[in-house]
Amino acid sequence: MAPSSSAPGPARPAPGPDHPAPDPGRPLRADAARNRRALLAAARRVFERDGFVAARITDIADEAGLAHGSFYSHFRNKEDALAAVLGEVEEEMLHPGPSLAGTPGGQGGEADPVAVIHAANVAYLEAYRRNAKLMALLEQVATVDERFAALRRERSEAFLARNARAIRRLQRAGLADPALDPDLASFALSTMVSRSAYAVFAMDRQPAGVGDLAATLTRLWANALGLPRDRPDGRNDG
């Protein structure tokens, strides 16, 4: 079902003189900032528990311990609230911990490239596992709402560009197969990681811990790029 304002919940007031649309660029007072944080935390819990269609604005306000009208001081509708929640999740997913900038030629100097890839995979998978319900929700709403489809594309493009830069650095350092197109290699390998995380943590399609999954994905990355094979794979159960 397409997300819409006709989902269960009270009719929202249209933005106007009595209910102006929130201005995201305007600094919030301390109490207003606290209320927004409380609403975002509550929205996350409600969306994780009920999904998008069944979630109600009244439930979010009640979960936050605020008057129902407080919701409209920060969000026009529950689509806005979901976008704000997912924006926080996307920031965490994009910067979960170590990045491939530590590969040779990057900011990390002569770091072991396989160890860096493994650490980045572990950090990403742990972040995905923490946010699995919301990542699954993003997959669902992105199929019917262009706003969330665009959010998903932006996240994907950021990952692809970052990983392509890392592959180019490895090629310049003489470590990765120079015949590979770095953009296509990034697309294939990044998609492998993200879809594996979705299948394991959002869909429960394959029982696996972070450690075993990261070790397997790292070995596939290293083999695909032609990196030296006498590197530890960092296998541990997670």
C-alpha atoms as a PDB file:
ATOM      1  CA  MET A   1       0.000   0.000   0.000  1.00  0.00           C
ATOM      2  CA  ALA A   2       1.384   3.425  -0.873  1.00  0.00           C
ATOM      3  CA  PRO A   3       2.223   5.634   2.088  1.00  0.00           C
ATOM      4  CA  SER A   4      -0.367   8.394   2.330  1.00  0.00           C
ATOM      5  CA  SER A   5      -2.050  10.684   4.778  1.00  0.00           C
ATOM      6  CA  SER A   6      -5.095   8.408   4.688  1.00  0.00           C
ATOM      7  CA  ALA A   7      -3.263   5.800   6.787  1.00  0.00           C
ATOM      8  CA  PRO A   8      -4.684   5.244  10.291  1.00  0.00           C
ATOM      9  CA  GLY A   9      -4.387   8.338  12.450  1.00  0.00           C
ATOM     10  CA  PRO A  10      -5.915  11.784  12.802  1.00  0.00           C
ATOM     11  CA  ALA A  11      -6.275  14.048   9.818  1.00  0.00           C
ATOM     12  CA  ARG A  12      -3.326  16.401   9.753  1.00  0.00           C
ATOM     13  CA  PRO A  13      -3.889  20.145   9.472  1.00  0.00           C
ATOM     14  CA  ALA A  14      -2.771  21.623   6.190  1.00  0.00           C
ATOM     15  CA  PRO A  15       0.122  24.078   6.519  1.00  0.00           C
ATOM     16  CA  GLY A  16      -1.253  27.601   6.776  1.00  0.00           C
ATOM     17  CA  PRO A  17      -1.456  30.568   9.147  1.00  0.00           C
ATOM     18  CA  ASP A  18      -2.608  28.375  12.039  1.00  0.00           C
ATOM     19  CA  HIS A  19      -0.351  25.409  11.207  1.00  0.00           C
ATOM     20  CA  PRO A  20       2.696  26.692   9.328  1.00  0.00           C
ATOM     21  CA  ALA A  21       5.046  24.136   7.881  1.00  0.00           C
ATOM     22  CA  PRO A  22       8.065  23.615  10.172  1.00  0.00           C
ATOM     23  CA  ASP A  23      11.182  25.446   9.056  1.00  0.00           C
ATOM     24  CA  PRO A  24      14.084  22.932   9.251  1.00  0.00           C
ATOM     25  CA  GLY A  25      16.645  25.718   8.836  1.00  0.00           C
ATOM     26  CA  ARG A  26      15.516  27.733  11.862  1.00  0.00           C
ATOM     27  CA  PRO A  27      17.474  27.099  15.111  1.00  0.00           C
ATOM     28  CA  LEU A  28      15.362  25.462  17.789  1.00  0.00           C
ATOM     29  CA  ARG A  29      15.043  26.614  21.383  1.00  0.00           C
ATOM     30  CA  ALA A  30      16.416  24.182  23.963  1.00  0.00           C
ATOM     31  CA  ASP A  31      12.970  22.892  24.920  1.00  0.00           C
ATOM     32  CA  ALA A  32      11.925  22.600  21.284  1.00  0.00           C
ATOM     33  CA  ALA A  33      15.147  20.731  20.483  1.00  0.00           C
ATOM     34  CA  ARG A  34      14.445  18.312  23.351  1.00  0.00           C
ATOM     35  CA  ASN A  35      10.927  17.749  22.065  1.00  0.00           C
ATOM     36  CA  ARG A  36      12.199  17.075  18.557  1.00  0.00           C
ATOM     37  CA  ARG A  37      14.718  14.545  19.858  1.00  0.00           C
ATOM     38  CA  ALA A  38      11.985  12.872  21.905  1.00  0.00           C
ATOM     39  CA  LEU A  39       9.662  12.731  18.885  1.00  0.00           C
ATOM     40  CA  LEU A  40      12.387  11.258  16.666  1.00  0.00           C
ATOM     41  CA  ALA A  41      13.240   8.583  19.222  1.00  0.00           C
ATOM     42  CA  ALA A  42       9.543   7.810  19.666  1.00  0.00           C
ATOM     43  CA  ALA A  43       8.954   7.736  15.908  1.00  0.00           C
ATOM     44  CA  ARG A  44      11.771   5.258  15.499  1.00  0.00           C
ATOM     45  CA  ARG A  45      10.261   2.927  18.106  1.00  0.00           C
ATOM     46  CA  VAL A  46       6.769   3.217  16.612  1.00  0.00           C
ATOM     47  CA  PHE A  47       7.944   2.653  13.022  1.00  0.00           C
ATOM     48  CA  GLU A  48      10.054  -0.330  14.075  1.00  0.00           C
ATOM     49  CA  ARG A  49       7.123  -1.787  16.009  1.00  0.00           C
ATOM     50  CA  ASP A  50       4.199  -1.016  13.700  1.00  0.00           C
ATOM     51  CA  GLY A  51       5.677  -0.328  10.273  1.00  0.00           C
ATOM     52  CA  PHE A  52       4.814   2.789   8.296  1.00  0.00           C
ATOM     53  CA  VAL A  53       1.189   2.258   7.250  1.00  0.00           C
ATOM     54  CA  ALA A  54      -0.050   1.257  10.709  1.00  0.00           C
ATOM     55  CA  ALA A  55       1.959   3.889  12.575  1.00  0.00           C
ATOM     56  CA  ARG A  56      -0.120   6.827  13.810  1.00  0.00           C
ATOM     57  CA  ILE A  57       0.909  10.341  14.696  1.00  0.00           C
ATOM     58  CA  THR A  58      -0.976  10.029  17.992  1.00  0.00           C
ATOM     59  CA  ASP A  59       1.093   6.934  18.824  1.00  0.00           C
ATOM     60  CA  ILE A  60       4.323   8.820  18.170  1.00  0.00           C
ATOM     61  CA  ALA A  61       3.279  11.749  20.360  1.00  0.00           C
ATOM     62  CA  ASP A  62       2.109   9.406  23.134  1.00  0.00           C
ATOM     63  CA  GLU A  63       5.356   7.437  22.945  1.00  0.00           C
ATOM     64  CA  ALA A  64       7.291  10.698  23.281  1.00  0.00           C
ATOM     65  CA  GLY A  65       5.126  11.801  26.221  1.00  0.00           C
ATOM     66  CA  LEU A  66       4.075  14.971  24.417  1.00  0.00           C
ATOM     67  CA  ALA A  67       0.795  16.574  23.426  1.00  0.00           C
ATOM     68  CA  HIS A  68      -0.396  15.480  20.006  1.00  0.00           C
ATOM     69  CA  GLY A  69      -0.182  19.014  18.670  1.00  0.00           C
ATOM     70  CA  SER A  70       3.543  19.096  19.467  1.00  0.00           C
ATOM     71  CA  PHE A  71       4.151  16.763  16.565  1.00  0.00           C
ATOM     72  CA  TYR A  72       3.067  19.419  14.074  1.00  0.00           C
ATOM     73  CA  SER A  73       5.555  21.921  15.496  1.00  0.00           C
ATOM     74  CA  HIS A  74       8.316  19.750  14.020  1.00  0.00           C
ATOM     75  CA  PHE A  75       6.808  17.648  11.216  1.00  0.00           C
ATOM     76  CA  ARG A  76       4.021  18.192   8.711  1.00  0.00           C
ATOM     77  CA  ASN A  77       3.076  14.519   8.582  1.00  0.00           C
ATOM     78  CA  LYS A  78       4.408  11.078   9.377  1.00  0.00           C
ATOM     79  CA  GLU A  79       6.251  10.965   6.043  1.00  0.00           C
ATOM     80  CA  ASP A  80       8.370  13.877   7.340  1.00  0.00           C
ATOM     81  CA  ALA A  81       8.961  12.039  10.606  1.00  0.00           C
ATOM     82  CA  LEU A  82      10.032   8.873   8.817  1.00  0.00           C
ATOM     83  CA  ALA A  83      12.350  10.845   6.531  1.00  0.00           C
ATOM     84  CA  ALA A  84      13.980  12.462   9.586  1.00  0.00           C
ATOM     85  CA  VAL A  85      14.420   9.103  11.318  1.00  0.00           C
ATOM     86  CA  LEU A  86      15.896   7.555   8.192  1.00  0.00           C
ATOM     87  CA  GLY A  87      18.156  10.571   7.744  1.00  0.00           C
ATOM     88  CA  GLU A  88      19.717   9.819  11.131  1.00  0.00           C
ATOM     89  CA  VAL A  89      20.045   6.143  10.231  1.00  0.00           C
ATOM     90  CA  GLU A  90      21.612   6.944   6.870  1.00  0.00           C
ATOM     91  CA  GLU A  91      24.239   9.135   8.544  1.00  0.00           C
ATOM     92  CA  GLU A  92      25.123   6.264  10.873  1.00  0.00           C
ATOM     93  CA  MET A  93      25.209   3.776   7.997  1.00  0.00           C
ATOM     94  CA  LEU A  94      27.445   5.999   5.876  1.00  0.00           C
ATOM     95  CA  HIS A  95      29.924   6.619   8.716  1.00  0.00           C
ATOM     96  CA  PRO A  96      29.722   3.466  10.866  1.00  0.00           C
ATOM     97  CA  GLY A  97      33.440   3.300  11.743  1.00  0.00           C
ATOM     98  CA  PRO A  98      36.603   2.566   9.762  1.00  0.00           C
ATOM     99  CA  SER A  99      36.409   3.451   6.089  1.00  0.00           C
ATOM    100  CA  LEU A 100      38.385   2.395   3.063  1.00  0.00           C
ATOM    101  CA  ALA A 101      40.232   5.720   3.236  1.00  0.00           C
ATOM    102  CA  GLY A 102      42.769   3.751   5.240  1.00  0.00           C
ATOM    103  CA  THR A 103      43.837   1.715   2.225  1.00  0.00           C
ATOM    104  CA  PRO A 104      47.290   2.411   0.728  1.00  0.00           C
ATOM    105  CA  GLY A 105      47.300   5.767  -0.996  1.00  0.00           C
ATOM    106  CA  GLY A 106      44.579   7.037   1.330  1.00  0.00           C
ATOM    107  CA  GLN A 107      44.753   8.813   4.664  1.00  0.00           C
ATOM    108  CA  GLY A 108      45.924   5.702   6.474  1.00  0.00           C
ATOM    109  CA  GLY A 109      49.248   5.370   4.682  1.00  0.00           C
ATOM    110  CA  GLU A 110      50.536   1.815   4.454  1.00  0.00           C
ATOM    111  CA  ALA A 111      47.638   0.076   6.215  1.00  0.00           C
ATOM    112  CA  ASP A 112      46.987  -3.546   5.279  1.00  0.00           C
ATOM    113  CA  PRO A 113      44.251  -3.179   2.626  1.00  0.00           C
ATOM    114  CA  VAL A 114      42.529  -6.452   3.500  1.00  0.00           C
ATOM    115  CA  ALA A 115      42.475  -5.563   7.197  1.00  0.00           C
ATOM    116  CA  VAL A 116      40.982  -2.162   6.367  1.00  0.00           C
ATOM    117  CA  ILE A 117      38.322  -3.734   4.132  1.00  0.00           C
ATOM    118  CA  HIS A 118      37.504  -6.222   6.887  1.00  0.00           C
ATOM    119  CA  ALA A 119      37.192  -3.503   9.546  1.00  0.00           C
ATOM    120  CA  ALA A 120      34.951  -1.438   7.255  1.00  0.00           C
ATOM    121  CA  ASN A 121      32.760  -4.474   6.541  1.00  0.00           C
ATOM    122  CA  VAL A 122      32.435  -5.288  10.255  1.00  0.00           C
ATOM    123  CA  ALA A 123      31.464  -1.699  11.091  1.00  0.00           C
ATOM    124  CA  TYR A 124      28.905  -1.564   8.267  1.00  0.00           C
ATOM    125  CA  LEU A 125      27.342  -4.913   9.157  1.00  0.00           C
ATOM    126  CA  GLU A 126      27.095  -4.032  12.842  1.00  0.00           C
ATOM    127  CA  ALA A 127      25.388  -0.742  11.948  1.00  0.00           C
ATOM    128  CA  TYR A 128      23.035  -2.576   9.578  1.00  0.00           C
ATOM    129  CA  ARG A 129      22.138  -5.120  12.248  1.00  0.00           C
ATOM    130  CA  ARG A 130      21.327  -2.315  14.720  1.00  0.00           C
ATOM    131  CA  ASN A 131      19.074  -0.629  12.159  1.00  0.00           C
ATOM    132  CA  ALA A 132      17.743  -3.698  10.334  1.00  0.00           C
ATOM    133  CA  LYS A 133      14.041  -2.966  10.904  1.00  0.00           C
ATOM    134  CA  LEU A 134      14.329   0.550   9.559  1.00  0.00           C
ATOM    135  CA  MET A 135      16.473  -0.552   6.621  1.00  0.00           C
ATOM    136  CA  ALA A 136      13.747  -3.060   5.728  1.00  0.00           C
ATOM    137  CA  LEU A 137      11.153  -0.291   6.067  1.00  0.00           C
ATOM    138  CA  LEU A 138      13.151   1.925   3.714  1.00  0.00           C
ATOM    139  CA  GLU A 139      13.216  -0.879   1.135  1.00  0.00           C
ATOM    140  CA  GLN A 140       9.425  -1.153   1.374  1.00  0.00           C
ATOM    141  CA  VAL A 141       8.442   2.501   1.193  1.00  0.00           C
ATOM    142  CA  ALA A 142      11.023   3.256  -1.518  1.00  0.00           C
ATOM    143  CA  THR A 143       9.054   1.052  -3.912  1.00  0.00           C
ATOM    144  CA  VAL A 144       5.962   3.265  -3.658  1.00  0.00           C
ATOM    145  CA  ASP A 145       7.206   6.739  -2.673  1.00  0.00           C
ATOM    146  CA  GLU A 146       9.690   8.658  -4.829  1.00  0.00           C
ATOM    147  CA  ARG A 147      10.898  10.711  -1.866  1.00  0.00           C
ATOM    148  CA  PHE A 148      12.199   7.607  -0.145  1.00  0.00           C
ATOM    149  CA  ALA A 149      13.418   6.099  -3.402  1.00  0.00           C
ATOM    150  CA  ALA A 150      15.583   9.202  -3.822  1.00  0.00           C
ATOM    151  CA  LEU A 151      16.890   8.836  -0.268  1.00  0.00           C
ATOM    152  CA  ARG A 152      17.820   5.238  -0.992  1.00  0.00           C
ATOM    153  CA  ARG A 153      19.558   6.219  -4.247  1.00  0.00           C
ATOM    154  CA  GLU A 154      21.542   8.978  -2.527  1.00  0.00           C
ATOM    155  CA  ARG A 155      22.754   6.532   0.116  1.00  0.00           C
ATOM    156  CA  SER A 156      23.725   3.982  -2.508  1.00  0.00           C
ATOM    157  CA  GLU A 157      25.539   6.531  -4.672  1.00  0.00           C
ATOM    158  CA  ALA A 158      27.556   7.791  -1.695  1.00  0.00           C
ATOM    159  CA  PHE A 159      28.732   4.253  -0.896  1.00  0.00           C
ATOM    160  CA  LEU A 160      29.541   3.485  -4.519  1.00  0.00           C
ATOM    161  CA  ALA A 161      31.560   6.676  -5.012  1.00  0.00           C
ATOM    162  CA  ARG A 162      33.526   6.171  -1.809  1.00  0.00           C
ATOM    163  CA  ASN A 163      34.366   2.542  -2.580  1.00  0.00           C
ATOM    164  CA  ALA A 164      35.303   3.388  -6.173  1.00  0.00           C
ATOM    165  CA  ARG A 165      37.810   5.928  -4.854  1.00  0.00           C
ATOM    166  CA  ALA A 166      39.309   3.280  -2.577  1.00  0.00           C
ATOM    167  CA  ILE A 167      39.637   0.818  -5.472  1.00  0.00           C
ATOM    168  CA  ARG A 168      41.402   3.465  -7.557  1.00  0.00           C
ATOM    169  CA  ARG A 169      43.860   4.046  -4.709  1.00  0.00           C
ATOM    170  CA  LEU A 170      44.577   0.315  -4.535  1.00  0.00           C
ATOM    171  CA  GLN A 171      45.152   0.230  -8.283  1.00  0.00           C
ATOM    172  CA  ARG A 172      47.518   3.206  -8.129  1.00  0.00           C
ATOM    173  CA  ALA A 173      49.420   1.459  -5.320  1.00  0.00           C
ATOM    174  CA  GLY A 174      49.849  -1.601  -7.556  1.00  0.00           C
ATOM    175  CA  LEU A 175      47.765  -3.837  -5.267  1.00  0.00           C
ATOM    176  CA  ALA A 176      44.449  -4.220  -7.124  1.00  0.00           C
ATOM    177  CA  ASP A 177      43.874  -5.622 -10.599  1.00  0.00           C
ATOM    178  CA  PRO A 178      44.481  -2.646 -12.938  1.00  0.00           C
ATOM    179  CA  ALA A 179      42.184  -4.123 -15.602  1.00  0.00           C
ATOM    180  CA  LEU A 180      39.124  -3.646 -13.391  1.00  0.00           C
ATOM    181  CA  ASP A 181      36.800  -0.723 -14.001  1.00  0.00           C
ATOM    182  CA  PRO A 182      36.740   0.794 -10.479  1.00  0.00           C
ATOM    183  CA  ASP A 183      33.187   2.090 -10.803  1.00  0.00           C
ATOM    184  CA  LEU A 184      31.791  -1.252 -11.969  1.00  0.00           C
ATOM    185  CA  ALA A 185      33.861  -3.129  -9.399  1.00  0.00           C
ATOM    186  CA  SER A 186      32.530  -0.835  -6.678  1.00  0.00           C
ATOM    187  CA  PHE A 187      28.971  -1.374  -7.901  1.00  0.00           C
ATOM    188  CA  ALA A 188      29.310  -5.171  -7.871  1.00  0.00           C
ATOM    189  CA  LEU A 189      31.135  -5.479  -4.560  1.00  0.00           C
ATOM    190  CA  SER A 190      29.147  -2.826  -2.687  1.00  0.00           C
ATOM    191  CA  THR A 191      25.872  -4.352  -3.872  1.00  0.00           C
ATOM    192  CA  MET A 192      27.071  -7.757  -2.692  1.00  0.00           C
ATOM    193  CA  VAL A 193      27.704  -6.384   0.801  1.00  0.00           C
ATOM    194  CA  SER A 194      24.483  -4.375   1.101  1.00  0.00           C
ATOM    195  CA  ARG A 195      22.193  -7.101  -0.247  1.00  0.00           C
ATOM    196  CA  SER A 196      23.882  -9.715   1.921  1.00  0.00           C
ATOM    197  CA  ALA A 197      23.258  -7.525   4.961  1.00  0.00           C
ATOM    198  CA  TYR A 198      19.621  -7.066   3.921  1.00  0.00           C
ATOM    199  CA  ALA A 199      19.084 -10.802   3.437  1.00  0.00           C
ATOM    200  CA  VAL A 200      20.740 -11.775   6.725  1.00  0.00           C
ATOM    201  CA  PHE A 201      19.619  -9.060   9.127  1.00  0.00           C
ATOM    202  CA  ALA A 202      16.392  -7.667   7.641  1.00  0.00           C
ATOM    203  CA  MET A 203      14.935 -10.808   6.052  1.00  0.00           C
ATOM    204  CA  ASP A 204      16.512 -13.586   8.178  1.00  0.00           C
ATOM    205  CA  ARG A 205      17.245 -15.487   4.982  1.00  0.00           C
ATOM    206  CA  GLN A 206      20.571 -16.899   6.186  1.00  0.00           C
ATOM    207  CA  PRO A 207      21.671 -17.478   9.784  1.00  0.00           C
ATOM    208  CA  ALA A 208      25.033 -15.761  10.144  1.00  0.00           C
ATOM    209  CA  GLY A 209      26.815 -13.548  12.637  1.00  0.00           C
ATOM    210  CA  VAL A 210      28.630 -10.351  11.791  1.00  0.00           C
ATOM    211  CA  GLY A 211      32.020 -12.038  12.164  1.00  0.00           C
ATOM    212  CA  ASP A 212      31.467 -14.901   9.740  1.00  0.00           C
ATOM    213  CA  LEU A 213      29.633 -12.741   7.219  1.00  0.00           C
ATOM    214  CA  ALA A 214      32.318 -10.039   7.321  1.00  0.00           C
ATOM    215  CA  ALA A 215      35.084 -12.624   6.874  1.00  0.00           C
ATOM    216  CA  THR A 216      33.362 -14.117   3.830  1.00  0.00           C
ATOM    217  CA  LEU A 217      32.600 -10.752   2.234  1.00  0.00           C
ATOM    218  CA  THR A 218      36.152  -9.558   2.856  1.00  0.00           C
ATOM    219  CA  ARG A 219      37.637 -12.652   1.221  1.00  0.00           C
ATOM    220  CA  LEU A 220      35.377 -12.131  -1.790  1.00  0.00           C
ATOM    221  CA  TRP A 221      36.420  -8.464  -1.997  1.00  0.00           C
ATOM    222  CA  ALA A 222      40.109  -9.394  -1.802  1.00  0.00           C
ATOM    223  CA  ASN A 223      39.800 -12.177  -4.374  1.00  0.00           C
ATOM    224  CA  ALA A 224      37.781 -10.015  -6.762  1.00  0.00           C
ATOM    225  CA  LEU A 225      40.323  -7.180  -6.618  1.00  0.00           C
ATOM    226  CA  GLY A 226      43.292  -9.528  -6.853  1.00  0.00           C
ATOM    227  CA  LEU A 227      44.731  -8.388  -3.508  1.00  0.00           C
ATOM    228  CA  PRO A 228      47.480 -10.462  -1.847  1.00  0.00           C
ATOM    229  CA  ARG A 229      46.001 -13.608  -0.327  1.00  0.00           C
ATOM    230  CA  ASP A 230      48.368 -14.077   2.594  1.00  0.00           C
ATOM    231  CA  ARG A 231      46.349 -11.679   4.740  1.00  0.00           C
ATOM    232  CA  PRO A 232      44.318 -12.505   7.848  1.00  0.00           C
ATOM    233  CA  ASP A 233      40.622 -12.536   7.194  1.00  0.00           C
ATOM    234  CA  GLY A 234      39.755 -11.419  10.683  1.00  0.00           C
ATOM    235  CA  ARG A 235      37.282 -14.276  11.139  1.00  0.00           C
ATOM    236  CA  ASN A 236      35.505 -14.162  14.451  1.00  0.00           C
ATOM    237  CA  ASP A 237      31.984 -14.853  15.521  1.00  0.00           C
ATOM    238  CA  GLY A 238      29.852 -11.802  15.987  1.00  0.00           C
END
